[in-house]
Amino acid sequence: MTAPHINPAQHKQLFLDDHAIERTSNVNRTLHQPDKHGPILKADRSREQVYVQSGNAPQWNSEKGIWEWWYDAHYAIPPGEIAGTESSRKHYATSTDGVHWETPSLGLYQRRGSKDNNIAYDSKLEFLTRRGVYNPPEITEKYLYHVIRDERDDDPQRRYKGLFSDTRNMGRLPGISPDGFRWTLLDVPPIPSEDTSNFIYDEISNQYVATVKQRTVWGRSLWVSTSADFANWTEPKLALHTDEIDRENRKRRIREVVENPVYLTPPVLEDVDYIAQLYMMPVMPYEGMYIGFPLLFNPAGPDLPQMNHCGINQVELATSRDLYNWERVADREVFIGVEPWDGVNYGTTQVAVCSRPIVHDNREIRIYHNAHRFRGHHSIYSEEYAEFFNDAGAIYLAKLRLDGFVSLDAETEGTVITKQFTLNGEALYVNADASGGELRAEVIDAETMQPLPGLSEGECVPLNGDHLGGKLMWQDSPRLVSEKAVRLRFILRGAKLYAFWLEQDGTRG
């Protein structure tokens, strides 16, 4: 049986899993949490908004030279008004840098007698305008969940693509738009889903991907549906659900919050062996693999009535090579966790990644995420928190170094031997932090495990400092060439290795 090969000339090789690793010695795999910045988008209290959230990532509009963002702003419901009439709207924000956001007046929909607002789409008012009646029984509300700007499509009338909810069929319906404001729903069957989902275009498989929520014996679970043309979607296939390990993790995580007075304790606690559930999972195609951001719902109290209120929701990491077989990362450590309660911050009960993160300026990964202070109706919390329900959720930005999800670390000296690959005159680059030590490498024969002439550890120029793209060099071998399959043996001394790759100099620019 031929040993598996990797292709570091095509993609960077990261270490969220063992795909590129043959074996290691005296190194640890470390998951790195991103640095939180924000909130960057908050509820507009002057317009009676009580929280904001989004199931979308910002979209770059190359024609306007701005970032666009579709998000939800939820309003306080005045006495006597029908519940839900203030939660059917999609709002619009713009930015030149992806950090500082403006909410321009669009003049599209009237609220409280004025069109001076940034409401981009109102599903109920769309039907009110078209039929002259308020949501009669024969009309099914179509709520706009997800928006992407698709510059691959040659048809400008399909520049924006969205998924809408069919509130009666519990599904997702595809729609198209020339501008993100005027939408046409496609006459196709809905993608089955419950109340959360996510939507991307996948550059790896060149297709549209919807991650949707359906039930298994483990409660809420992740299912995947794909489409090559955006109109015809595959039947969702189960991709990931929780298990007994998550059940045990739930107990520990609830206990950690309850026993630590700096956290906002879930208000209703029962000593019941609840299962943890996978609430949703945005997906990011990255360097030939998929990185998932599963939101783990850890209930602490009774159903009330949908097992959706008391508990904490936190983000982990998962990885896959095919969208359907997923491996959890770093023993299921929390990637983005809840924060201590200080009366100011938001992410005290739930943090959820909006959609696929964005690689910015080839230097950092920007992860936009929702942060909620509470889960559940205000009646189950004590009166001391009542005022905070008027400003209960915001959207944050978290930043991670490029390739920085996981590193292989050695405090003293450790080694990493890679899977085999072929050399064709490329140079070797690494993303590594050797600020407190050094990193060397040697190119070894894949079978004999012996260094190639001129490419041993002793002939490698040590790499020091922190590098997103550090080039490794050998004293007498400027080019790496071998007729046989090779491996790399990295030698780390007080260093962190995030990724490695091969390139013809200048090709990654």
Protein backbone atom coordinates (compact mmCIF):
# COMPACT_ATOMS: atom_id res chain seq x y z
CA MET A 1 0.00 0.00 0.00
CA THR A 2 1.42 3.38 -1.03
CA ALA A 3 1.94 5.79 1.83
CA PRO A 4 -0.28 8.91 1.58
CA HIS A 5 1.18 12.04 0.05
CA ILE A 6 0.49 15.66 0.89
CA ASN A 7 0.80 18.61 -1.48
CA PRO A 8 2.40 21.59 0.28
CA ALA A 9 3.03 23.23 -3.10
CA GLN A 10 -0.73 23.52 -3.62
CA HIS A 11 -1.92 24.39 -0.10
CA LYS A 12 -0.45 25.42 3.20
CA GLN A 13 -0.32 22.51 5.61
CA LEU A 14 -1.91 23.36 8.97
CA PHE A 15 -2.14 21.29 12.13
CA LEU A 16 -5.80 21.29 13.12
CA ASP A 17 -5.63 17.56 12.42
CA ASP A 18 -2.90 15.02 11.62
CA HIS A 19 -3.37 15.19 7.86
CA ALA A 20 0.20 16.46 7.28
CA ILE A 21 1.87 14.80 10.28
CA GLU A 22 3.64 11.45 10.29
CA ARG A 23 4.76 11.70 13.90
CA THR A 24 5.93 14.14 16.54
CA SER A 25 8.16 14.08 19.59
CA ASN A 26 8.06 16.41 22.59
CA VAL A 27 5.63 18.89 21.01
CA ASN A 28 2.14 19.96 22.07
CA ARG A 29 -0.78 20.94 19.89
CA THR A 30 -2.15 24.28 21.13
CA LEU A 31 -5.49 25.83 20.16
CA HIS A 32 -5.35 29.62 20.02
CA GLN A 33 -8.37 31.70 20.91
CA PRO A 34 -8.83 34.89 18.88
CA ASP A 35 -8.53 38.34 20.42
CA LYS A 36 -11.95 39.93 20.85
CA HIS A 37 -12.55 43.47 19.62
CA GLY A 38 -15.81 45.26 20.07
CA PRO A 39 -18.63 45.51 20.14
CA ILE A 40 -18.45 46.86 16.60
CA LEU A 41 -22.20 46.93 15.94
CA LYS A 42 -24.77 47.60 18.67
CA ALA A 43 -28.52 48.04 18.94
CA ASP A 44 -29.74 51.56 18.14
CA ARG A 45 -31.62 52.46 21.29
CA SER A 46 -32.97 55.64 19.67
CA ARG A 47 -34.97 53.35 17.37
CA GLU A 48 -36.10 51.03 20.20
CA GLN A 49 -33.76 48.23 19.17
CA VAL A 50 -32.92 45.79 21.96
CA TYR A 51 -30.28 43.61 20.31
CA VAL A 52 -28.54 42.92 17.02
CA GLN A 53 -27.17 39.74 15.52
CA SER A 54 -26.27 38.36 12.10
CA GLY A 55 -26.10 35.10 10.18
CA ASN A 56 -23.95 36.73 7.52
CA ALA A 57 -20.33 37.70 7.06
CA PRO A 58 -19.52 41.14 5.64
CA GLN A 59 -19.42 41.11 1.82
CA TRP A 60 -16.90 43.08 -0.25
CA ASN A 61 -18.49 45.15 -3.02
CA SER A 62 -15.72 45.70 -5.56
CA GLU A 63 -17.83 48.14 -7.58
CA LYS A 64 -18.47 50.48 -4.64
CA GLY A 65 -15.21 49.75 -2.82
CA ILE A 66 -16.98 49.09 0.49
CA TRP A 67 -17.92 46.28 2.80
CA GLU A 68 -21.64 45.53 3.02
CA TRP A 69 -23.34 43.72 5.85
CA TRP A 70 -26.87 42.43 6.28
CA TYR A 71 -27.84 41.94 9.91
CA ASP A 72 -30.86 41.60 12.20
CA ALA A 73 -31.98 44.30 14.59
CA HIS A 74 -34.68 43.25 17.02
CA TYR A 75 -37.06 45.81 18.50
CA ALA A 76 -39.00 46.09 21.70
CA ILE A 77 -42.61 45.04 21.08
CA PRO A 78 -45.03 47.77 22.17
CA PRO A 79 -48.08 46.75 24.21
CA GLY A 80 -50.87 45.40 22.01
CA GLU A 81 -48.65 44.77 18.96
CA ILE A 82 -48.45 41.29 17.45
CA ALA A 83 -45.32 39.41 18.50
CA GLY A 84 -42.94 38.91 15.61
CA THR A 85 -43.92 42.00 13.60
CA GLU A 86 -40.73 43.72 14.70
CA SER A 87 -38.39 40.78 14.07
CA SER A 88 -38.92 40.18 10.34
CA ARG A 89 -36.49 42.82 9.08
CA LYS A 90 -33.02 42.64 7.63
CA HIS A 91 -30.87 45.74 8.13
CA TYR A 92 -27.87 47.08 6.20
CA ALA A 93 -24.51 48.51 7.23
CA THR A 94 -21.42 49.62 5.32
CA SER A 95 -17.74 50.01 6.13
CA THR A 96 -14.51 50.98 4.42
CA ASP A 97 -12.31 48.91 6.73
CA GLY A 98 -14.54 46.12 8.07
CA VAL A 99 -14.16 47.45 11.61
CA HIS A 100 -16.03 50.76 11.78
CA TRP A 101 -19.60 50.51 10.52
CA GLU A 102 -22.21 53.00 9.36
CA THR A 103 -25.96 52.42 9.03
CA PRO A 104 -27.05 54.54 6.05
CA SER A 105 -30.65 55.61 5.61
CA LEU A 106 -32.10 53.58 2.73
CA GLY A 107 -35.62 55.00 2.53
CA LEU A 108 -37.06 51.62 1.53
CA TYR A 109 -39.47 50.69 4.33
CA GLN A 110 -41.56 52.70 6.72
CA ARG A 111 -41.36 52.19 10.43
CA ARG A 112 -43.22 54.33 12.97
CA GLY A 113 -44.25 56.69 10.17
CA SER A 114 -40.77 57.26 8.73
CA LYS A 115 -38.56 55.74 6.03
CA ASP A 116 -35.45 57.29 7.55
CA ASN A 117 -33.88 53.96 8.53
CA ASN A 118 -31.53 51.25 7.28
CA ILE A 119 -34.13 48.49 6.86
CA ALA A 120 -33.00 46.56 3.78
CA TYR A 121 -35.78 43.99 3.60
CA ASP A 122 -38.99 43.49 5.55
CA SER A 123 -40.71 40.20 4.84
CA LYS A 124 -44.04 41.16 6.38
CA LEU A 125 -44.16 44.59 4.77
CA GLU A 126 -43.31 43.05 1.41
CA PHE A 127 -46.57 41.11 1.56
CA LEU A 128 -48.44 44.05 3.05
CA THR A 129 -47.35 46.21 0.11
CA ARG A 130 -48.10 43.61 -2.54
CA ARG A 131 -51.49 42.41 -1.28
CA GLY A 132 -52.78 45.35 0.74
CA VAL A 133 -53.46 43.07 3.68
CA TYR A 134 -51.54 42.00 6.75
CA ASN A 135 -50.19 38.45 6.43
CA PRO A 136 -53.40 36.61 5.54
CA PRO A 137 -53.47 32.82 5.97
CA GLU A 138 -52.66 32.07 2.33
CA ILE A 139 -49.45 34.08 2.44
CA THR A 140 -46.32 32.46 3.79
CA GLU A 141 -43.79 34.82 5.32
CA LYS A 142 -40.34 34.61 3.71
CA TYR A 143 -37.67 35.84 6.11
CA LEU A 144 -34.27 36.71 4.61
CA TYR A 145 -31.69 34.69 6.53
CA HIS A 146 -28.42 34.79 4.56
CA VAL A 147 -26.90 37.02 1.88
CA ILE A 148 -23.74 36.61 -0.20
CA ARG A 149 -22.42 38.78 -3.02
CA ASP A 150 -21.51 36.46 -5.88
CA GLU A 151 -19.12 38.07 -8.34
CA ARG A 152 -18.56 34.73 -10.09
CA ASP A 153 -22.00 34.88 -11.70
CA ASP A 154 -21.98 36.68 -15.07
CA ASP A 155 -25.61 37.72 -14.68
CA PRO A 156 -25.82 41.03 -12.75
CA GLN A 157 -29.42 40.23 -11.83
CA ARG A 158 -28.05 37.32 -9.77
CA ARG A 159 -25.20 39.25 -8.18
CA TYR A 160 -26.63 38.68 -4.69
CA LYS A 161 -27.89 35.34 -3.54
CA GLY A 162 -29.87 34.69 -0.41
CA LEU A 163 -31.59 31.97 1.54
CA PHE A 164 -35.06 32.72 2.89
CA SER A 165 -37.03 30.82 5.48
CA ASP A 166 -40.34 29.26 4.63
CA THR A 167 -41.93 29.69 8.05
CA ARG A 168 -44.58 27.06 7.40
CA ASN A 169 -42.38 24.42 5.82
CA MET A 170 -39.36 25.00 8.10
CA GLY A 171 -36.98 25.20 5.15
CA ARG A 172 -34.67 27.51 3.23
CA LEU A 173 -35.65 28.95 -0.15
CA PRO A 174 -33.05 30.37 -2.56
CA GLY A 175 -33.54 33.91 -3.86
CA ILE A 176 -31.60 36.21 -6.19
CA SER A 177 -31.15 39.98 -6.33
CA PRO A 178 -29.24 42.59 -8.35
CA ASP A 179 -28.49 44.74 -5.30
CA GLY A 180 -29.31 42.86 -2.08
CA PHE A 181 -32.55 44.82 -1.60
CA ARG A 182 -34.92 43.68 -4.37
CA TRP A 183 -35.37 39.92 -4.24
CA THR A 184 -36.90 37.24 -6.43
CA LEU A 185 -37.50 33.82 -4.92
CA LEU A 186 -36.72 30.84 -7.14
CA ASP A 187 -39.57 28.40 -7.76
CA VAL A 188 -37.79 25.36 -6.31
CA PRO A 189 -38.34 23.09 -3.29
CA PRO A 190 -37.01 24.40 0.03
CA ILE A 191 -33.95 22.96 1.75
CA PRO A 192 -35.26 21.33 4.95
CA SER A 193 -34.00 23.15 8.04
CA GLU A 194 -35.06 24.29 11.46
CA ASP A 195 -34.44 27.80 12.76
CA THR A 196 -30.68 28.16 12.19
CA SER A 197 -28.52 27.61 9.15
CA ASN A 198 -25.56 29.06 7.28
CA PHE A 199 -24.68 29.62 3.64
CA ILE A 200 -21.43 30.06 1.67
CA TYR A 201 -19.92 29.63 -1.75
CA ASP A 202 -17.23 26.96 -1.52
CA GLU A 203 -14.18 27.69 -3.66
CA ILE A 204 -12.77 24.21 -3.04
CA SER A 205 -15.63 22.25 -4.58
CA ASN A 206 -16.97 25.16 -6.67
CA GLN A 207 -20.50 24.90 -5.34
CA TYR A 208 -22.89 26.53 -2.91
CA VAL A 209 -23.09 24.99 0.55
CA ALA A 210 -25.88 25.28 3.11
CA THR A 211 -25.35 23.93 6.61
CA VAL A 212 -28.77 23.38 8.13
CA LYS A 213 -30.25 22.19 11.40
CA GLN A 214 -32.25 19.00 11.77
CA ARG A 215 -32.82 16.60 14.66
CA THR A 216 -31.21 13.30 15.60
CA VAL A 217 -31.29 11.33 18.85
CA TRP A 218 -28.69 13.91 19.96
CA GLY A 219 -31.10 16.78 19.43
CA ARG A 220 -30.09 19.62 17.13
CA SER A 221 -27.54 18.35 14.62
CA LEU A 222 -25.68 19.53 11.52
CA TRP A 223 -26.78 18.53 8.01
CA VAL A 224 -25.22 19.63 4.71
CA SER A 225 -26.87 20.43 1.38
CA THR A 226 -25.01 21.56 -1.76
CA SER A 227 -25.84 23.03 -5.15
CA ALA A 228 -23.84 23.62 -8.32
CA ASP A 229 -26.31 26.13 -9.78
CA PHE A 230 -27.95 27.60 -6.63
CA ALA A 231 -31.37 26.37 -7.80
CA ASN A 232 -31.15 22.59 -7.38
CA TRP A 233 -30.05 21.45 -3.94
CA THR A 234 -29.12 18.01 -2.68
CA GLU A 235 -31.11 16.33 0.04
CA PRO A 236 -29.43 17.32 3.33
CA LYS A 237 -27.03 14.72 4.67
CA LEU A 238 -26.12 14.31 8.32
CA ALA A 239 -22.58 15.56 8.91
CA LEU A 240 -22.06 16.09 12.66
CA HIS A 241 -23.85 15.64 15.96
CA THR A 242 -22.93 15.65 19.62
CA ASP A 243 -22.14 12.55 21.69
CA GLU A 244 -21.35 11.30 25.19
CA ILE A 245 -18.16 13.37 25.38
CA ASP A 246 -20.20 16.51 24.77
CA ARG A 247 -22.67 15.40 27.42
CA GLU A 248 -19.85 15.20 29.97
CA ASN A 249 -18.37 18.49 28.76
CA ARG A 250 -21.76 20.12 29.30
CA LYS A 251 -21.75 19.17 32.98
CA ARG A 252 -18.25 20.55 33.48
CA ARG A 253 -18.87 23.79 31.60
CA ILE A 254 -22.10 24.55 33.43
CA ARG A 255 -20.41 23.79 36.74
CA GLU A 256 -17.47 26.07 35.91
CA VAL A 257 -19.84 28.98 35.28
CA VAL A 258 -22.08 28.30 38.27
CA GLU A 259 -19.21 27.92 40.73
CA ASN A 260 -17.32 30.99 39.52
CA PRO A 261 -18.96 34.20 40.82
CA VAL A 262 -17.53 36.33 38.00
CA TYR A 263 -19.86 34.67 35.47
CA LEU A 264 -23.56 35.24 34.90
CA THR A 265 -25.07 32.03 36.24
CA PRO A 266 -27.92 30.48 34.23
CA PRO A 267 -31.02 31.37 36.27
CA VAL A 268 -32.80 27.99 36.26
CA LEU A 269 -30.71 25.04 37.29
CA GLU A 270 -31.70 21.41 37.50
CA ASP A 271 -29.59 18.40 38.31
CA VAL A 272 -30.61 16.64 35.11
CA ASP A 273 -28.30 14.81 32.73
CA TYR A 274 -29.14 16.95 29.71
CA ILE A 275 -27.49 16.24 26.40
CA ALA A 276 -25.40 18.90 24.72
CA GLN A 277 -26.61 19.83 21.25
CA LEU A 278 -25.02 21.24 18.11
CA TYR A 279 -26.93 24.46 17.57
CA MET A 280 -25.35 25.44 14.24
CA MET A 281 -21.98 25.47 12.44
CA PRO A 282 -20.67 28.05 9.95
CA VAL A 283 -17.98 26.67 7.63
CA MET A 284 -14.82 28.28 6.24
CA PRO A 285 -12.98 26.80 3.23
CA TYR A 286 -9.30 27.32 4.01
CA GLU A 287 -6.16 26.04 2.29
CA GLY A 288 -7.81 22.96 0.80
CA MET A 289 -9.67 21.99 3.96
CA TYR A 290 -12.82 23.05 5.80
CA ILE A 291 -12.83 24.64 9.22
CA GLY A 292 -16.11 24.49 11.10
CA PHE A 293 -17.22 26.62 14.06
CA PRO A 294 -19.75 24.41 15.89
CA LEU A 295 -21.90 26.23 18.43
CA LEU A 296 -22.36 23.86 21.37
CA PHE A 297 -25.57 24.42 23.31
CA ASN A 298 -25.12 23.33 26.93
CA PRO A 299 -28.51 23.45 28.67
CA ALA A 300 -28.72 24.05 32.41
CA GLY A 301 -32.46 24.05 32.98
CA PRO A 302 -35.81 22.75 31.74
CA ASP A 303 -37.25 22.96 28.25
CA LEU A 304 -39.15 26.25 28.54
CA PRO A 305 -40.47 24.85 26.13
CA GLN A 306 -37.87 24.10 23.42
CA MET A 307 -34.65 23.35 25.32
CA ASN A 308 -33.55 26.73 24.08
CA HIS A 309 -33.37 29.04 27.07
CA CYS A 310 -31.27 28.22 30.12
CA GLY A 311 -27.65 27.40 29.45
CA ILE A 312 -24.52 28.61 27.73
CA ASN A 313 -23.56 28.45 24.05
CA GLN A 314 -19.88 28.44 23.10
CA VAL A 315 -17.88 27.87 19.92
CA GLU A 316 -15.48 25.01 19.27
CA LEU A 317 -13.52 24.05 16.14
CA ALA A 318 -13.94 21.14 13.75
CA THR A 319 -12.22 20.21 10.51
CA SER A 320 -13.08 18.19 7.43
CA ARG A 321 -11.69 17.36 4.01
CA ASP A 322 -15.04 16.63 2.34
CA LEU A 323 -17.76 18.62 4.21
CA TYR A 324 -19.35 15.44 5.60
CA ASN A 325 -16.75 13.73 7.81
CA TRP A 326 -15.73 16.04 10.63
CA GLU A 327 -13.09 15.79 13.31
CA ARG A 328 -13.21 17.95 16.42
CA VAL A 329 -10.08 19.99 17.08
CA ALA A 330 -7.81 20.07 20.16
CA ASP A 331 -9.89 17.72 22.32
CA ARG A 332 -12.95 19.98 21.90
CA GLU A 333 -11.46 22.97 23.66
CA VAL A 334 -13.53 26.15 23.52
CA PHE A 335 -12.44 28.45 20.70
CA ILE A 336 -14.67 31.44 21.54
CA GLY A 337 -16.11 31.28 25.04
CA VAL A 338 -18.49 33.20 27.24
CA GLU A 339 -17.12 36.16 29.18
CA PRO A 340 -17.33 37.17 32.85
CA TRP A 341 -20.19 39.52 33.68
CA ASP A 342 -19.10 43.11 34.33
CA GLY A 343 -22.27 45.00 33.47
CA VAL A 344 -20.73 46.25 30.20
CA ASN A 345 -19.80 43.30 27.98
CA TYR A 346 -22.26 41.21 25.96
CA GLY A 347 -20.96 37.67 25.44
CA THR A 348 -21.90 36.37 28.87
CA THR A 349 -24.27 33.57 27.83
CA GLN A 350 -23.93 32.95 24.10
CA VAL A 351 -21.22 33.60 21.50
CA ALA A 352 -21.88 32.45 17.93
CA VAL A 353 -19.84 32.95 14.76
CA CYS A 354 -21.93 34.88 12.20
CA SER A 355 -20.64 33.09 9.10
CA ARG A 356 -17.33 32.26 7.38
CA PRO A 357 -14.42 34.32 8.75
CA ILE A 358 -12.50 36.64 6.43
CA VAL A 359 -8.79 36.60 5.63
CA HIS A 360 -7.75 40.26 5.80
CA ASP A 361 -4.71 41.66 4.01
CA ASN A 362 -3.09 38.21 4.11
CA ARG A 363 -2.10 38.94 7.70
CA GLU A 364 -5.03 38.10 9.97
CA ILE A 365 -8.30 36.21 10.13
CA ARG A 366 -11.33 38.25 11.11
CA ILE A 367 -14.09 36.36 12.88
CA TYR A 368 -17.36 38.25 13.28
CA HIS A 369 -19.51 36.82 16.02
CA ASN A 370 -22.74 37.44 17.89
CA ALA A 371 -22.60 38.05 21.62
CA HIS A 372 -25.67 37.73 23.85
CA ARG A 373 -26.02 38.61 27.50
CA PHE A 374 -28.93 36.26 28.23
CA ARG A 375 -30.71 33.16 26.99
CA GLY A 376 -34.37 33.18 27.82
CA HIS A 377 -37.21 35.48 28.79
CA HIS A 378 -36.47 38.27 31.26
CA SER A 379 -39.02 36.78 33.69
CA ILE A 380 -36.64 33.96 34.63
CA TYR A 381 -33.87 36.40 35.59
CA SER A 382 -33.76 38.53 38.72
CA GLU A 383 -34.82 42.18 38.58
CA GLU A 384 -31.22 43.41 38.84
CA TYR A 385 -30.74 42.46 35.19
CA ALA A 386 -33.97 44.02 33.87
CA GLU A 387 -32.35 47.12 32.37
CA PHE A 388 -29.84 45.03 30.42
CA PHE A 389 -32.61 43.29 28.47
CA ASN A 390 -33.07 46.62 26.69
CA ASP A 391 -29.59 46.16 25.21
CA ALA A 392 -29.13 42.40 25.22
CA GLY A 393 -26.89 41.58 22.26
CA ALA A 394 -24.22 43.02 19.97
CA ILE A 395 -21.85 41.90 17.23
CA TYR A 396 -18.13 41.58 17.93
CA LEU A 397 -15.02 41.18 15.84
CA ALA A 398 -12.34 38.69 16.90
CA LYS A 399 -8.91 38.59 15.26
CA LEU A 400 -6.54 35.67 14.80
CA ARG A 401 -3.13 35.58 13.21
CA LEU A 402 -3.03 34.16 9.70
CA ASP A 403 -3.12 30.32 9.89
CA GLY A 404 -3.28 30.79 13.65
CA PHE A 405 -5.97 28.33 14.74
CA VAL A 406 -3.52 25.72 16.05
CA SER A 407 0.24 25.50 16.55
CA LEU A 408 2.69 22.73 17.35
CA ASP A 409 4.80 23.96 20.27
CA ALA A 410 8.05 22.87 21.86
CA GLU A 411 9.26 24.51 25.06
CA THR A 412 12.68 22.85 24.96
CA GLU A 413 13.38 20.76 21.85
CA GLY A 414 10.78 18.90 19.84
CA THR A 415 10.48 17.42 16.37
CA VAL A 416 7.75 17.16 13.77
CA ILE A 417 8.03 14.73 10.84
CA THR A 418 5.64 15.32 7.98
CA LYS A 419 3.93 13.01 5.54
CA GLN A 420 5.76 12.51 2.27
CA PHE A 421 5.60 14.76 -0.80
CA THR A 422 7.58 15.64 -3.93
CA LEU A 423 9.98 18.52 -4.59
CA ASN A 424 10.24 20.46 -7.83
CA GLY A 425 12.64 23.27 -7.07
CA GLU A 426 10.40 25.21 -4.70
CA ALA A 427 11.42 27.07 -1.54
CA LEU A 428 10.17 26.09 1.92
CA TYR A 429 8.19 28.62 3.96
CA VAL A 430 6.75 28.48 7.45
CA ASN A 431 4.36 30.45 9.62
CA ALA A 432 6.16 30.22 12.93
CA ASP A 433 6.89 32.14 16.09
CA ALA A 434 10.47 31.53 17.21
CA SER A 435 10.79 34.78 19.15
CA GLY A 436 12.08 32.93 22.19
CA GLY A 437 14.08 30.26 20.40
CA GLU A 438 14.71 28.91 16.93
CA LEU A 439 13.34 26.64 14.23
CA ARG A 440 15.34 24.50 11.83
CA ALA A 441 14.39 21.83 9.32
CA GLU A 442 15.94 19.09 7.30
CA VAL A 443 14.70 17.43 4.14
CA ILE A 444 14.80 13.67 4.57
CA ASP A 445 14.33 10.69 2.28
CA ALA A 446 10.76 9.45 2.75
CA GLU A 447 11.89 5.83 3.06
CA THR A 448 15.29 5.88 4.76
CA MET A 449 14.48 8.96 6.89
CA GLN A 450 18.03 10.20 6.29
CA PRO A 451 18.78 13.85 5.39
CA LEU A 452 19.42 14.64 1.76
CA PRO A 453 22.92 15.98 0.96
CA GLY A 454 23.17 19.64 1.88
CA LEU A 455 19.72 19.69 3.51
CA SER A 456 20.45 18.49 7.04
CA GLU A 457 19.61 20.24 10.30
CA GLY A 458 23.22 21.34 10.77
CA GLU A 459 23.27 23.01 7.36
CA CYS A 460 19.93 24.79 7.89
CA VAL A 461 20.10 28.49 8.72
CA PRO A 462 18.13 28.83 11.99
CA LEU A 463 14.93 30.85 11.85
CA ASN A 464 14.45 33.30 14.71
CA GLY A 465 11.68 35.78 15.41
CA ASP A 466 7.99 35.79 14.53
CA HIS A 467 7.18 35.18 10.84
CA LEU A 468 3.92 34.80 8.93
CA GLY A 469 5.98 33.68 5.94
CA GLY A 470 9.54 32.85 6.97
CA LYS A 471 11.78 31.24 4.36
CA LEU A 472 13.97 28.38 5.50
CA MET A 473 17.36 28.17 3.81
CA TRP A 474 20.33 25.82 3.78
CA GLN A 475 23.92 27.00 3.40
CA ASP A 476 24.68 25.42 0.03
CA SER A 477 21.25 24.48 -1.35
CA PRO A 478 19.20 27.47 -2.50
CA ARG A 479 16.74 25.22 -4.40
CA LEU A 480 15.00 22.08 -3.16
CA VAL A 481 15.07 19.30 -5.71
CA SER A 482 14.70 15.54 -5.32
CA GLU A 483 13.74 12.71 -7.65
CA LYS A 484 12.46 10.71 -4.68
CA ALA A 485 9.63 11.40 -2.30
CA VAL A 486 10.76 13.36 0.76
CA ARG A 487 9.57 14.41 4.19
CA LEU A 488 10.44 17.34 6.41
CA ARG A 489 11.79 17.02 9.90
CA PHE A 490 11.22 20.25 11.81
CA ILE A 491 13.31 20.86 14.92
CA LEU A 492 11.70 23.35 17.29
CA ARG A 493 13.47 24.88 20.26
CA GLY A 494 11.23 27.25 22.18
CA ALA A 495 9.13 27.79 19.06
CA LYS A 496 5.59 27.51 17.67
CA LEU A 497 4.88 26.14 14.18
CA TYR A 498 1.52 27.10 12.61
CA ALA A 499 1.91 26.02 8.99
CA PHE A 500 4.40 25.16 6.25
CA TRP A 501 4.27 25.22 2.47
CA LEU A 502 6.33 25.19 -0.72
CA GLU A 503 6.30 27.88 -3.36
CA GLN A 504 8.21 29.14 -6.30
CA ASP A 505 9.48 32.43 -4.88
CA GLY A 506 6.96 35.19 -5.31
CA THR A 507 3.99 33.01 -6.28
CA ARG A 508 1.99 33.76 -3.10
CA GLY A 509 2.71 37.51 -3.38
